[in-house]
PDB file of all heavy atoms in Angstrom:
ATOM      1  N   PHE A   1       0.823  -1.214   0.000  1.00  0.00           N
ATOM      2  CA  PHE A   1       0.000   0.000   0.000  1.00  0.00           C
ATOM      3  C   PHE A   1       0.857   1.264   0.000  1.00  0.00           C
ATOM      4  O   PHE A   1       0.449   2.293  -0.551  1.00  0.00           O
ATOM      5  CB  PHE A   1      -0.972  -0.015   1.175  1.00  0.00           C
ATOM      6  CG  PHE A   1      -2.149  -0.919   0.958  1.00  0.00           C
ATOM      7  CD1 PHE A   1      -2.343  -2.046   1.746  1.00  0.00           C
ATOM      8  CD2 PHE A   1      -3.068  -0.655  -0.050  1.00  0.00           C
ATOM      9  CE1 PHE A   1      -3.428  -2.886   1.535  1.00  0.00           C
ATOM     10  CE2 PHE A   1      -4.154  -1.485  -0.267  1.00  0.00           C
ATOM     11  CZ  PHE A   1      -4.332  -2.609   0.526  1.00  0.00           C
ATOM     12  N   GLY A   2       2.056   1.190   0.589  1.00  0.00           N
ATOM     13  CA  GLY A   2       2.959   2.323   0.469  1.00  0.00           C
ATOM     14  C   GLY A   2       3.315   2.604  -0.977  1.00  0.00           C
ATOM     15  O   GLY A   2       3.323   3.763  -1.420  1.00  0.00           O
ATOM     16  N   SER A   3       3.578   1.537  -1.745  1.00  0.00           N
ATOM     17  CA  SER A   3       3.897   1.731  -3.165  1.00  0.00           C
ATOM     18  C   SER A   3       2.673   2.182  -3.952  1.00  0.00           C
ATOM     19  O   SER A   3       2.783   2.957  -4.905  1.00  0.00           O
ATOM     20  CB  SER A   3       4.477   0.439  -3.754  1.00  0.00           C
ATOM     21  OG  SER A   3       3.494  -0.569  -3.929  1.00  0.00           O
ATOM     22  N   ALA A   4       1.478   1.725  -3.563  1.00  0.00           N
ATOM     23  CA  ALA A   4       0.255   2.143  -4.251  1.00  0.00           C
ATOM     24  C   ALA A   4      -0.022   3.625  -4.005  1.00  0.00           C
ATOM     25  O   ALA A   4      -0.445   4.352  -4.924  1.00  0.00           O
ATOM     26  CB  ALA A   4      -0.924   1.293  -3.785  1.00  0.00           C
ATOM     27  N   ARG A   5       0.211   4.085  -2.777  1.00  0.00           N
ATOM     28  CA  ARG A   5       0.015   5.515  -2.500  1.00  0.00           C
ATOM     29  C   ARG A   5       0.986   6.367  -3.308  1.00  0.00           C
ATOM     30  O   ARG A   5       0.629   7.433  -3.816  1.00  0.00           O
ATOM     31  CB  ARG A   5       0.213   5.787  -0.997  1.00  0.00           C
ATOM     32  CG  ARG A   5      -0.943   5.370  -0.117  1.00  0.00           C
ATOM     33  CD  ARG A   5      -0.820   5.938   1.275  1.00  0.00           C
ATOM     34  NE  ARG A   5       0.380   5.453   1.974  1.00  0.00           N
ATOM     35  CZ  ARG A   5       0.429   4.328   2.669  1.00  0.00           C
ATOM     36  NH1 ARG A   5      -0.656   3.566   2.766  1.00  0.00           N
ATOM     37  NH2 ARG A   5       1.528   3.957   3.277  1.00  0.00           N
ATOM     38  N   ASP A   6       2.230   5.899  -3.421  1.00  0.00           N
ATOM     39  CA  ASP A   6       3.244   6.676  -4.139  1.00  0.00           C
ATOM     40  C   ASP A   6       2.937   6.772  -5.630  1.00  0.00           C
ATOM     41  O   ASP A   6       3.181   7.807  -6.257  1.00  0.00           O
ATOM     42  CB  ASP A   6       4.625   6.041  -3.951  1.00  0.00           C
ATOM     43  CG  ASP A   6       5.150   6.182  -2.530  1.00  0.00           C
ATOM     44  OD1 ASP A   6       4.626   7.027  -1.782  1.00  0.00           O
ATOM     45  OD2 ASP A   6       6.076   5.427  -2.164  1.00  0.00           O
ATOM     46  N   THR A   7       2.434   5.691  -6.215  1.00  0.00           N
ATOM     47  CA  THR A   7       2.267   5.641  -7.669  1.00  0.00           C
ATOM     48  C   THR A   7       0.862   6.011  -8.125  1.00  0.00           C
ATOM     49  O   THR A   7       0.670   6.405  -9.281  1.00  0.00           O
ATOM     50  CB  THR A   7       2.605   4.227  -8.190  1.00  0.00           C
ATOM     51  OG1 THR A   7       1.796   3.259  -7.493  1.00  0.00           O
ATOM     52  CG2 THR A   7       4.086   3.911  -7.949  1.00  0.00           C
ATOM     53  N   HIS A   8      -0.132   5.863  -7.237  1.00  0.00           N
ATOM     54  CA  HIS A   8      -1.532   6.142  -7.610  1.00  0.00           C
ATOM     55  C   HIS A   8      -2.196   6.939  -6.491  1.00  0.00           C
ATOM     56  O   HIS A   8      -3.129   6.452  -5.825  1.00  0.00           O
ATOM     57  CB  HIS A   8      -2.293   4.833  -7.855  1.00  0.00           C
ATOM     58  CG  HIS A   8      -1.732   4.011  -8.972  1.00  0.00           C
ATOM     59  ND1 HIS A   8      -0.621   3.203  -8.813  1.00  0.00           N
ATOM     60  CD2 HIS A   8      -2.109   3.885 -10.273  1.00  0.00           C
ATOM     61  CE1 HIS A   8      -0.353   2.612  -9.966  1.00  0.00           C
ATOM     62  NE2 HIS A   8      -1.232   3.013 -10.864  1.00  0.00           N
ATOM     63  N   PRO A   9      -1.743   8.168  -6.265  1.00  0.00           N
ATOM     64  CA  PRO A   9      -2.274   8.948  -5.136  1.00  0.00           C
ATOM     65  C   PRO A   9      -3.752   9.291  -5.265  1.00  0.00           C
ATOM     66  O   PRO A   9      -4.389   9.666  -4.274  1.00  0.00           O
ATOM     67  CB  PRO A   9      -1.402  10.214  -5.154  1.00  0.00           C
ATOM     68  CG  PRO A   9      -0.882  10.309  -6.561  1.00  0.00           C
ATOM     69  CD  PRO A   9      -0.704   8.897  -7.016  1.00  0.00           C
ATOM     70  N   ASP A  10      -4.310   9.162  -6.467  1.00  0.00           N
ATOM     71  CA  ASP A  10      -5.720   9.483  -6.677  1.00  0.00           C
ATOM     72  C   ASP A  10      -6.647   8.308  -6.396  1.00  0.00           C
ATOM     73  O   ASP A  10      -7.882   8.461  -6.445  1.00  0.00           O
ATOM     74  CB  ASP A  10      -5.938   9.958  -8.118  1.00  0.00           C
ATOM     75  CG  ASP A  10      -5.409   8.964  -9.157  1.00  0.00           C
ATOM     76  OD1 ASP A  10      -4.487   8.188  -8.820  1.00  0.00           O
ATOM     77  OD2 ASP A  10      -5.909   8.981 -10.301  1.00  0.00           O
ATOM     78  N   ALA A  11      -6.101   7.131  -6.101  1.00  0.00           N
ATOM     79  CA  ALA A  11      -6.926   5.941  -5.879  1.00  0.00           C
ATOM     80  C   ALA A  11      -7.240   5.781  -4.394  1.00  0.00           C
ATOM     81  O   ALA A  11      -6.431   6.135  -3.526  1.00  0.00           O
ATOM     82  CB  ALA A  11      -6.209   4.699  -6.389  1.00  0.00           C
ATOM     83  N   ASP A  12      -8.410   5.233  -4.101  1.00  0.00           N
ATOM     84  CA  ASP A  12      -8.770   4.861  -2.736  1.00  0.00           C
ATOM     85  C   ASP A  12      -8.270   3.438  -2.477  1.00  0.00           C
ATOM     86  O   ASP A  12      -8.370   2.565  -3.353  1.00  0.00           O
ATOM     87  CB  ASP A  12     -10.275   4.928  -2.534  1.00  0.00           C
ATOM     88  CG  ASP A  12     -10.815   6.349  -2.669  1.00  0.00           C
ATOM     89  OD1 ASP A  12     -10.066   7.298  -2.366  1.00  0.00           O
ATOM     90  OD2 ASP A  12     -11.979   6.506  -3.101  1.00  0.00           O
ATOM     91  N   LEU A  13      -7.763   3.211  -1.270  1.00  0.00           N
ATOM     92  CA  LEU A  13      -7.091   1.951  -0.952  1.00  0.00           C
ATOM     93  C   LEU A  13      -7.906   1.155   0.062  1.00  0.00           C
ATOM     94  O   LEU A  13      -8.384   1.698   1.067  1.00  0.00           O
ATOM     95  CB  LEU A  13      -5.690   2.225  -0.396  1.00  0.00           C
ATOM     96  CG  LEU A  13      -4.779   3.105  -1.259  1.00  0.00           C
ATOM     97  CD1 LEU A  13      -3.435   3.294  -0.580  1.00  0.00           C
ATOM     98  CD2 LEU A  13      -4.605   2.508  -2.656  1.00  0.00           C
ATOM     99  N   TYR A  14      -7.994  -0.160  -0.190  1.00  0.00           N
ATOM    100  CA  TYR A  14      -8.768  -1.054   0.666  1.00  0.00           C
ATOM    101  C   TYR A  14      -8.000  -2.350   0.887  1.00  0.00           C
ATOM    102  O   TYR A  14      -7.293  -2.829  -0.007  1.00  0.00           O
ATOM    103  CB  TYR A  14     -10.116  -1.397   0.025  1.00  0.00           C
ATOM    104  CG  TYR A  14     -11.055  -0.221  -0.122  1.00  0.00           C
ATOM    105  CD1 TYR A  14     -11.012   0.580  -1.264  1.00  0.00           C
ATOM    106  CD2 TYR A  14     -11.973   0.078   0.872  1.00  0.00           C
ATOM    107  CE1 TYR A  14     -11.874   1.663  -1.405  1.00  0.00           C
ATOM    108  CE2 TYR A  14     -12.844   1.159   0.725  1.00  0.00           C
ATOM    109  CZ  TYR A  14     -12.784   1.936  -0.409  1.00  0.00           C
ATOM    110  OH  TYR A  14     -13.632   3.003  -0.550  1.00  0.00           O
ATOM    111  N   LEU A  15      -8.203  -2.927   2.058  1.00  0.00           N
ATOM    112  CA  LEU A  15      -7.683  -4.261   2.356  1.00  0.00           C
ATOM    113  C   LEU A  15      -8.834  -5.147   2.777  1.00  0.00           C
ATOM    114  O   LEU A  15      -9.597  -4.802   3.695  1.00  0.00           O
ATOM    115  CB  LEU A  15      -6.642  -4.214   3.480  1.00  0.00           C
ATOM    116  CG  LEU A  15      -6.157  -5.595   3.933  1.00  0.00           C
ATOM    117  CD1 LEU A  15      -5.236  -6.217   2.878  1.00  0.00           C
ATOM    118  CD2 LEU A  15      -5.466  -5.548   5.285  1.00  0.00           C
ATOM    119  N   GLY A  16      -8.967  -6.299   2.127  1.00  0.00           N
ATOM    120  CA  GLY A  16      -9.885  -7.321   2.589  1.00  0.00           C
ATOM    121  C   GLY A  16      -9.166  -8.174   3.616  1.00  0.00           C
ATOM    122  O   GLY A  16      -8.160  -8.806   3.302  1.00  0.00           O
ATOM    123  N   LEU A  17      -9.653  -8.185   4.846  1.00  0.00           N
ATOM    124  CA  LEU A  17      -9.006  -8.936   5.926  1.00  0.00           C
ATOM    125  C   LEU A  17      -9.590 -10.336   5.996  1.00  0.00           C
ATOM    126  O   LEU A  17     -10.722 -10.524   6.441  1.00  0.00           O
ATOM    127  CB  LEU A  17      -9.167  -8.213   7.259  1.00  0.00           C
ATOM    128  CG  LEU A  17      -8.519  -8.895   8.469  1.00  0.00           C
ATOM    129  CD1 LEU A  17      -7.011  -9.043   8.268  1.00  0.00           C
ATOM    130  CD2 LEU A  17      -8.836  -8.136   9.753  1.00  0.00           C
ATOM    131  N   ALA A  18      -8.825 -11.317   5.532  1.00  0.00           N
ATOM    132  CA  ALA A  18      -9.264 -12.719   5.553  1.00  0.00           C
ATOM    133  C   ALA A  18      -8.873 -13.336   6.892  1.00  0.00           C
ATOM    134  O   ALA A  18      -8.077 -14.273   6.977  1.00  0.00           O
ATOM    135  CB  ALA A  18      -8.641 -13.484   4.390  1.00  0.00           C
ATOM    136  N   ASP A  19      -9.453 -12.794   7.938  1.00  0.00           N
ATOM    137  CA  ASP A  19      -9.092 -13.177   9.300  1.00  0.00           C
ATOM    138  C   ASP A  19     -10.156 -12.587  10.209  1.00  0.00           C
ATOM    139  O   ASP A  19     -10.994 -11.786   9.770  1.00  0.00           O
ATOM    140  CB  ASP A  19      -7.706 -12.605   9.649  1.00  0.00           C
ATOM    141  CG  ASP A  19      -6.900 -13.520  10.570  1.00  0.00           C
ATOM    142  OD1 ASP A  19      -7.535 -14.201  11.408  1.00  0.00           O
ATOM    143  OD2 ASP A  19      -5.665 -13.548  10.454  1.00  0.00           O
ATOM    144  N   ASP A  20     -10.106 -12.943  11.492  1.00  0.00           N
ATOM    145  CA  ASP A  20     -11.008 -12.285  12.428  1.00  0.00           C
ATOM    146  C   ASP A  20     -10.274 -11.134  13.104  1.00  0.00           C
ATOM    147  O   ASP A  20      -9.101 -10.880  12.836  1.00  0.00           O
ATOM    148  CB  ASP A  20     -11.567 -13.280  13.449  1.00  0.00           C
ATOM    149  CG  ASP A  20     -10.495 -13.838  14.374  1.00  0.00           C
ATOM    150  OD1 ASP A  20      -9.292 -13.498  14.196  1.00  0.00           O
ATOM    151  OD2 ASP A  20     -10.842 -14.608  15.286  1.00  0.00           O
ATOM    152  N   GLY A  21     -10.971 -10.389  13.949  1.00  0.00           N
ATOM    153  CA  GLY A  21     -10.339  -9.283  14.640  1.00  0.00           C
ATOM    154  C   GLY A  21     -10.133  -8.074  13.743  1.00  0.00           C
ATOM    155  O   GLY A  21     -10.849  -7.877  12.758  1.00  0.00           O
ATOM    156  N   ASN A  22      -9.121  -7.269  14.080  1.00  0.00           N
ATOM    157  CA  ASN A  22      -8.885  -6.008  13.386  1.00  0.00           C
ATOM    158  C   ASN A  22      -7.445  -5.912  12.911  1.00  0.00           C
ATOM    159  O   ASN A  22      -6.554  -6.609  13.400  1.00  0.00           O
ATOM    160  CB  ASN A  22      -9.185  -4.823  14.320  1.00  0.00           C
ATOM    161  CG  ASN A  22     -10.625  -4.804  14.784  1.00  0.00           C
ATOM    162  OD1 ASN A  22     -11.532  -4.776  13.975  1.00  0.00           O
ATOM    163  ND2 ASN A  22     -10.826  -4.818  16.090  1.00  0.00           N
ATOM    164  N   LEU A  23      -7.234  -5.025  11.961  1.00  0.00           N
ATOM    165  CA  LEU A  23      -5.892  -4.713  11.469  1.00  0.00           C
ATOM    166  C   LEU A  23      -5.910  -3.260  11.028  1.00  0.00           C
ATOM    167  O   LEU A  23      -6.862  -2.806  10.389  1.00  0.00           O
ATOM    168  CB  LEU A  23      -5.527  -5.625  10.287  1.00  0.00           C
ATOM    169  CG  LEU A  23      -4.123  -5.472   9.699  1.00  0.00           C
ATOM    170  CD1 LEU A  23      -3.073  -5.885  10.714  1.00  0.00           C
ATOM    171  CD2 LEU A  23      -3.988  -6.323   8.439  1.00  0.00           C
ATOM    172  N   ARG A  24      -4.853  -2.518  11.371  1.00  0.00           N
ATOM    173  CA  ARG A  24      -4.771  -1.105  11.009  1.00  0.00           C
ATOM    174  C   ARG A  24      -3.610  -0.878  10.050  1.00  0.00           C
ATOM    175  O   ARG A  24      -2.494  -1.323  10.315  1.00  0.00           O
ATOM    176  CB  ARG A  24      -4.581  -0.238  12.260  1.00  0.00           C
ATOM    177  CG  ARG A  24      -5.799  -0.185  13.162  1.00  0.00           C
ATOM    178  CD  ARG A  24      -5.541   0.737  14.353  1.00  0.00           C
ATOM    179  NE  ARG A  24      -6.707   0.829  15.211  1.00  0.00           N
ATOM    180  CZ  ARG A  24      -7.705   1.677  15.023  1.00  0.00           C
ATOM    181  NH1 ARG A  24      -7.679   2.501  13.982  1.00  0.00           N
ATOM    182  NH2 ARG A  24      -8.738   1.714  15.842  1.00  0.00           N
ATOM    183  N   LEU A  25      -3.883  -0.198   8.954  1.00  0.00           N
ATOM    184  CA  LEU A  25      -2.860   0.224   8.010  1.00  0.00           C
ATOM    185  C   LEU A  25      -3.121   1.685   7.664  1.00  0.00           C
ATOM    186  O   LEU A  25      -4.275   2.097   7.494  1.00  0.00           O
ATOM    187  CB  LEU A  25      -2.902  -0.623   6.733  1.00  0.00           C
ATOM    188  CG  LEU A  25      -2.559  -2.108   6.873  1.00  0.00           C
ATOM    189  CD1 LEU A  25      -2.826  -2.829   5.552  1.00  0.00           C
ATOM    190  CD2 LEU A  25      -1.117  -2.317   7.287  1.00  0.00           C
ATOM    191  N   ASP A  26      -2.061   2.468   7.546  1.00  0.00           N
ATOM    192  CA  ASP A  26      -2.212   3.895   7.287  1.00  0.00           C
ATOM    193  C   ASP A  26      -2.916   4.155   5.962  1.00  0.00           C
ATOM    194  O   ASP A  26      -2.520   3.606   4.922  1.00  0.00           O
ATOM    195  CB  ASP A  26      -0.848   4.577   7.278  1.00  0.00           C
ATOM    196  CG  ASP A  26      -0.218   4.652   8.656  1.00  0.00           C
ATOM    197  OD1 ASP A  26      -0.961   4.488   9.645  1.00  0.00           O
ATOM    198  OD2 ASP A  26       1.008   4.847   8.736  1.00  0.00           O
ATOM    199  N   HIS A  27      -3.955   4.986   5.999  1.00  0.00           N
ATOM    200  CA  HIS A  27      -4.658   5.459   4.805  1.00  0.00           C
ATOM    201  C   HIS A  27      -5.291   4.318   4.003  1.00  0.00           C
ATOM    202  O   HIS A  27      -5.485   4.432   2.784  1.00  0.00           O
ATOM    203  CB  HIS A  27      -3.719   6.258   3.897  1.00  0.00           C
ATOM    204  CG  HIS A  27      -2.983   7.347   4.616  1.00  0.00           C
ATOM    205  ND1 HIS A  27      -3.616   8.451   5.134  1.00  0.00           N
ATOM    206  CD2 HIS A  27      -1.665   7.479   4.926  1.00  0.00           C
ATOM    207  CE1 HIS A  27      -2.729   9.245   5.719  1.00  0.00           C
ATOM    208  NE2 HIS A  27      -1.542   8.676   5.607  1.00  0.00           N
TER     209      HIS A  27
END
């Protein structure tokens, strides 16, 4: 996602969490 932000700053970023609980990633 760091590389995606750098190369595609106009895109919205999402993570599908294939797990239970929570996970935090910047932006």
